[in-house]
C-alpha atoms as a PDB file:
ATOM      1  CA  MET A   1       0.677  17.035   2.946  1.00  0.00           C
ATOM      2  CA  CYS A   2       2.979  13.747   2.792  1.00  0.00           C
ATOM      3  CA  ASP A   3       6.434  13.274   3.390  1.00  0.00           C
ATOM      4  CA  LEU A   4       8.284  13.182   0.065  1.00  0.00           C
ATOM      5  CA  ASN A   5      12.031  12.295  -0.380  1.00  0.00           C
ATOM      6  CA  ASP A   6      14.383  14.542  -1.820  1.00  0.00           C
ATOM      7  CA  SER A   7      13.246  13.490  -5.589  1.00  0.00           C
ATOM      8  CA  GLY A   8       9.604  14.457  -4.764  1.00  0.00           C
ATOM      9  CA  ALA A   9       8.637  11.066  -4.248  1.00  0.00           C
ATOM     10  CA  TRP A  10       7.315   8.756  -1.466  1.00  0.00           C
ATOM     11  CA  ASP A  11       8.321   5.390  -0.357  1.00  0.00           C
ATOM     12  CA  THR A  12       6.678   2.977  -2.884  1.00  0.00           C
ATOM     13  CA  ASP A  13       7.552   0.035  -0.381  1.00  0.00           C
ATOM     14  CA  LYS A  14       4.863   1.644   1.634  1.00  0.00           C
ATOM     15  CA  VAL A  15       2.107   3.279  -0.657  1.00  0.00           C
ATOM     16  CA  VAL A  16       1.586   2.664  -4.293  1.00  0.00           C
ATOM     17  CA  LEU A  17      -0.804   5.050  -6.167  1.00  0.00           C
ATOM     18  CA  ILE A  18      -2.561   3.918  -9.361  1.00  0.00           C
ATOM     19  CA  GLY A  19      -4.278   6.091 -11.436  1.00  0.00           C
ATOM     20  CA  ILE A  20      -6.552   4.751 -13.690  1.00  0.00           C
ATOM     21  CA  GLY A  21      -8.355   6.159 -16.664  1.00  0.00           C
ATOM     22  CA  ILE A  22      -9.513   6.934 -20.221  1.00  0.00           C
ATOM     23  CA  GLY A  23      -9.073   9.735 -22.249  1.00  0.00           C
ATOM     24  CA  ALA A  24      -8.006  13.464 -21.179  1.00  0.00           C
ATOM     25  CA  GLY A  25      -7.261  13.731 -17.352  1.00  0.00           C
ATOM     26  CA  SER A  26      -4.600  10.962 -17.258  1.00  0.00           C
ATOM     27  CA  VAL A  27      -2.385  11.066 -14.453  1.00  0.00           C
ATOM     28  CA  ASN A  28       0.647  12.047 -16.313  1.00  0.00           C
ATOM     29  CA  SER A  29      -1.108  15.287 -17.179  1.00  0.00           C
ATOM     30  CA  TRP A  30      -1.455  16.185 -13.331  1.00  0.00           C
ATOM     31  CA  ASN A  31       2.286  17.074 -12.778  1.00  0.00           C
ATOM     32  CA  VAL A  32       1.881  14.601  -9.338  1.00  0.00           C
ATOM     33  CA  THR A  33       5.165  14.323  -8.303  1.00  0.00           C
ATOM     34  CA  GLY A  34       5.855  10.790  -7.130  1.00  0.00           C
ATOM     35  CA  PRO A  35       5.657   7.218  -8.161  1.00  0.00           C
ATOM     36  CA  TRP A  36       2.462   6.144  -9.793  1.00  0.00           C
ATOM     37  CA  VAL A  37       1.031   3.822 -12.309  1.00  0.00           C
ATOM     38  CA  GLN A  38      -0.922   4.626 -15.037  1.00  0.00           C
ATOM     39  CA  ASP A  39      -3.435   2.067 -16.507  1.00  0.00           C
ATOM     40  CA  PHE A  40      -4.710   3.075 -20.238  1.00  0.00           C
ATOM     41  CA  THR A  41      -5.831  -0.255 -20.839  1.00  0.00           C
ATOM     42  CA  MET A  42      -8.325  -0.357 -17.512  1.00  0.00           C
ATOM     43  CA  GLY A  43      -6.310  -3.665 -16.702  1.00  0.00           C
ATOM     44  CA  VAL A  44      -6.327  -3.029 -13.000  1.00  0.00           C
ATOM     45  CA  TRP A  45      -9.496  -1.695 -12.844  1.00  0.00           C
ATOM     46  CA  ASN A  46     -11.018  -5.319 -11.903  1.00  0.00           C
ATOM     47  CA  GLN A  47      -8.013  -6.213  -9.782  1.00  0.00           C
ATOM     48  CA  PHE A  48      -8.538  -2.892  -7.529  1.00  0.00           C
ATOM     49  CA  LEU A  49     -11.564  -1.782  -8.044  1.00  0.00           C
ATOM     50  CA  GLU A  50     -13.410  -4.722  -8.579  1.00  0.00           C
ATOM     51  CA  GLY A  51     -14.726  -3.474 -11.932  1.00  0.00           C
ATOM     52  CA  THR A  52     -17.122  -0.877 -10.553  1.00  0.00           C
ATOM     53  CA  ASP A  53     -19.445   0.789 -12.822  1.00  0.00           C
ATOM     54  CA  GLY A  54     -18.884   4.198 -11.330  1.00  0.00           C
ATOM     55  CA  ALA A  55     -16.855   7.191 -12.748  1.00  0.00           C
ATOM     56  CA  ARG A  56     -14.395   6.058 -15.648  1.00  0.00           C
ATOM     57  CA  LYS A  57     -11.413   7.654 -13.986  1.00  0.00           C
ATOM     58  CA  LYS A  58     -10.344   6.994 -10.398  1.00  0.00           C
ATOM     59  CA  ILE A  59      -7.564   7.621  -8.302  1.00  0.00           C
ATOM     60  CA  ALA A  60      -6.546   4.291  -5.924  1.00  0.00           C
ATOM     61  CA  LEU A  61      -3.598   3.933  -3.196  1.00  0.00           C
ATOM     62  CA  VAL A  62      -2.835   0.683  -2.149  1.00  0.00           C
ATOM     63  CA  ASP A  63      -0.889  -0.472   0.595  1.00  0.00           C
ATOM     64  CA  PRO A  64       2.087  -2.981   0.742  1.00  0.00           C
ATOM     65  CA  SER A  65      -0.290  -5.813   0.556  1.00  0.00           C
ATOM     66  CA  LEU A  66      -2.017  -4.807  -2.670  1.00  0.00           C
ATOM     67  CA  GLU A  67      -5.397  -3.821  -0.562  1.00  0.00           C
ATOM     68  CA  ARG A  68      -7.255  -0.679  -1.437  1.00  0.00           C
ATOM     69  CA  ARG A  69      -6.797   2.231   1.211  1.00  0.00           C
ATOM     70  CA  TYR A  70      -8.572   4.967  -0.520  1.00  0.00           C
ATOM     71  CA  ILE A  71     -10.553   5.322  -3.641  1.00  0.00           C
ATOM     72  CA  GLY A  72     -11.118   8.890  -5.464  1.00  0.00           C
ATOM     73  CA  ASP A  73     -12.907   9.846  -8.214  1.00  0.00           C
ATOM     74  CA  TYR A  74     -12.013  12.400 -10.577  1.00  0.00           C
ATOM     75  CA  SER A  75     -13.679  14.251 -13.935  1.00  0.00           C
ATOM     76  CA  GLY A  76     -12.160  16.846 -16.588  1.00  0.00           C
ATOM     77  CA  SER A  77      -8.847  17.009 -17.585  1.00  0.00           C
ATOM     78  CA  SER A  78      -6.849  17.694 -13.972  1.00  0.00           C
ATOM     79  CA  ILE A  79      -7.172  16.704 -10.634  1.00  0.00           C
ATOM     80  CA  SER A  80      -8.302  19.746  -8.398  1.00  0.00           C
ATOM     81  CA  ASN A  81      -6.014  21.414  -5.358  1.00  0.00           C
ATOM     82  CA  SER A  82      -8.634  19.907  -2.667  1.00  0.00           C
ATOM     83  CA  GLN A  83      -8.450  16.323  -5.046  1.00  0.00           C
ATOM     84  CA  LEU A  84      -4.507  16.180  -4.453  1.00  0.00           C
ATOM     85  CA  ASN A  85      -4.729  17.273  -0.844  1.00  0.00           C
ATOM     86  CA  GLU A  86      -7.044  14.683  -0.382  1.00  0.00           C
ATOM     87  CA  LEU A  87      -4.894  12.113  -1.944  1.00  0.00           C
ATOM     88  CA  TYR A  88      -1.523  13.598  -0.401  1.00  0.00           C
ATOM     89  CA  ALA A  89      -3.461  13.227   3.215  1.00  0.00           C
ATOM     90  CA  GLN A  90      -4.068   9.411   2.557  1.00  0.00           C
ATOM     91  CA  ILE A  91      -0.870   8.612   1.711  1.00  0.00           C
ATOM     92  CA  GLN A  92       0.378  10.243   4.896  1.00  0.00           C
ATOM     93  CA  ILE A  93      -2.009   8.086   6.714  1.00  0.00           C
ATOM     94  CA  LEU A  94      -0.544   4.934   5.074  1.00  0.00           C
ATOM     95  CA  ILE A  95       3.043   6.274   5.814  1.00  0.00           C
ATOM     96  CA  ASP A  96       2.249   6.858   9.497  1.00  0.00           C
ATOM     97  CA  GLU A  97       0.688   3.446   9.666  1.00  0.00           C
ATOM     98  CA  MET A  98       3.589   1.837   8.316  1.00  0.00           C
ATOM     99  CA  VAL A  99       6.259   3.862  10.433  1.00  0.00           C
ATOM    100  CA  SER A 100       4.335   2.958  13.657  1.00  0.00           C
ATOM    101  CA  SER A 101       3.703  -0.500  13.005  1.00  0.00           C
ATOM    102  CA  VAL A 102       5.775  -3.254  14.991  1.00  0.00           C
ATOM    103  CA  PRO A 103       7.427  -5.751  12.342  1.00  0.00           C
ATOM    104  CA  GLY A 104       5.876  -9.289  12.832  1.00  0.00           C
ATOM    105  CA  ASP A 105       2.747  -7.682  14.343  1.00  0.00           C
ATOM    106  CA  ILE A 106       0.222  -9.473  12.158  1.00  0.00           C
ATOM    107  CA  ASN A 107      -2.802  -9.046  14.426  1.00  0.00           C
ATOM    108  CA  ALA A 108      -1.592  -5.430  14.918  1.00  0.00           C
ATOM    109  CA  ASP A 109      -2.332  -5.114  18.490  1.00  0.00           C
ATOM    110  CA  GLY A 110       0.874  -3.302  18.946  1.00  0.00           C
ATOM    111  CA  GLU A 111       2.541  -6.576  20.463  1.00  0.00           C
ATOM    112  CA  LEU A 112       4.695  -8.922  18.930  1.00  0.00           C
ATOM    113  CA  ASN A 113       4.009 -12.357  20.715  1.00  0.00           C
ATOM    114  CA  VAL A 114       3.485 -16.132  20.211  1.00  0.00           C
ATOM    115  CA  VAL A 115      -0.207 -15.263  18.401  1.00  0.00           C
ATOM    116  CA  ASP A 116       2.021 -13.315  15.727  1.00  0.00           C
ATOM    117  CA  VAL A 117       4.260 -16.412  15.171  1.00  0.00           C
ATOM    118  CA  ILE A 118       1.332 -18.986  15.009  1.00  0.00           C
ATOM    119  CA  SER A 119      -0.327 -16.358  12.191  1.00  0.00           C
ATOM    120  CA  VAL A 120       3.005 -16.383  10.758  1.00  0.00           C
ATOM    121  CA  VAL A 121       3.251 -20.032  10.433  1.00  0.00           C
ATOM    122  CA  ASN A 122      -0.630 -20.205   8.957  1.00  0.00           C
ATOM    123  CA  LEU A 123       0.621 -17.937   6.361  1.00  0.00           C
ATOM    124  CA  ILE A 124       3.425 -19.997   5.079  1.00  0.00           C
ATOM    125  CA  LEU A 125       1.480 -23.389   5.090  1.00  0.00           C
ATOM    126  CA  ALA A 126      -1.455 -21.215   3.068  1.00  0.00           C
ATOM    127  CA  GLY A 127       1.336 -20.293   0.725  1.00  0.00           C
ATOM    128  CA  GLU A 128       0.126 -16.471   1.267  1.00  0.00           C
ATOM    129  CA  TYR A 129       2.466 -13.375   1.710  1.00  0.00           C
ATOM    130  CA  ASN A 130       2.165 -10.632   4.399  1.00  0.00           C
ATOM    131  CA  GLN A 131       5.221  -7.570   4.310  1.00  0.00           C
ATOM    132  CA  VAL A 132       4.512  -7.321   8.157  1.00  0.00           C
ATOM    133  CA  ALA A 133       5.250 -11.018   8.807  1.00  0.00           C
ATOM    134  CA  ASP A 134       8.103 -10.403   6.294  1.00  0.00           C
ATOM    135  CA  ILE A 135      10.987  -9.981   9.063  1.00  0.00           C
ATOM    136  CA  ASN A 136      13.875 -10.170   6.763  1.00  0.00           C
ATOM    137  CA  ASN A 137      12.494  -8.512   4.023  1.00  0.00           C
ATOM    138  CA  ASP A 138      13.254 -10.751   1.309  1.00  0.00           C
ATOM    139  CA  ASN A 139      10.040 -10.848   0.113  1.00  0.00           C
ATOM    140  CA  ALA A 140       8.862 -14.226   1.039  1.00  0.00           C
ATOM    141  CA  LEU A 141       7.645 -16.023   4.217  1.00  0.00           C
ATOM    142  CA  ASN A 142       9.281 -18.796   5.385  1.00  0.00           C
ATOM    143  CA  VAL A 143      10.801 -20.705   8.558  1.00  0.00           C
ATOM    144  CA  THR A 144      13.676 -17.781   8.704  1.00  0.00           C
ATOM    145  CA  ASP A 145      11.158 -15.071   9.403  1.00  0.00           C
ATOM    146  CA  VAL A 146       9.327 -17.566  12.248  1.00  0.00           C
ATOM    147  CA  ILE A 147      12.899 -17.726  13.709  1.00  0.00           C
ATOM    148  CA  SER A 148      13.670 -13.844  13.350  1.00  0.00           C
ATOM    149  CA  MET A 149       9.911 -13.619  14.947  1.00  0.00           C
ATOM    150  CA  VAL A 150      10.850 -15.918  18.077  1.00  0.00           C
ATOM    151  CA  ASN A 151      14.282 -14.187  18.390  1.00  0.00           C
ATOM    152  CA  LEU A 152      12.784 -10.876  18.582  1.00  0.00           C
ATOM    153  CA  ILE A 153      10.332 -11.841  21.211  1.00  0.00           C
ATOM    154  CA  LEU A 154      12.915 -13.547  23.201  1.00  0.00           C
ATOM    155  CA  SER A 155      14.843 -10.550  23.157  1.00  0.00           C
ATOM    156  CA  ASN A 156      12.363  -8.723  24.689  1.00  0.00           C
END
């Protein structure tokens, strides 16, 4: 089971649940406690599921970088307990990964080093964003993050 906070939700900085479906069986009928987005227009269908022609009702979990991490199909007007347990297990995996990750460790080798600094500089030059590289959590990558990374490396 995933770690839920006092209000029965998980940290949306770590995991976002997206329910996608048409007709009966939308996420809001499941009594799922926690943050989720329900899209009846199928607008996120192409963005997160690349327009797959499979089941028209899906659950998608995305990480802070909006990368798909889990996709589950459902049918009928409700989600089964086993599907819900699998969903919670996948949420917990994402939360555990975020907790155990080293801030700034872009290549996920468990260490913060010059390779990560170079990677952040490359992200900045490319105008891309990566939450792991955003050391000061200002939702932007810039020289402040690079300086913070260098300071962290030098202090270790």
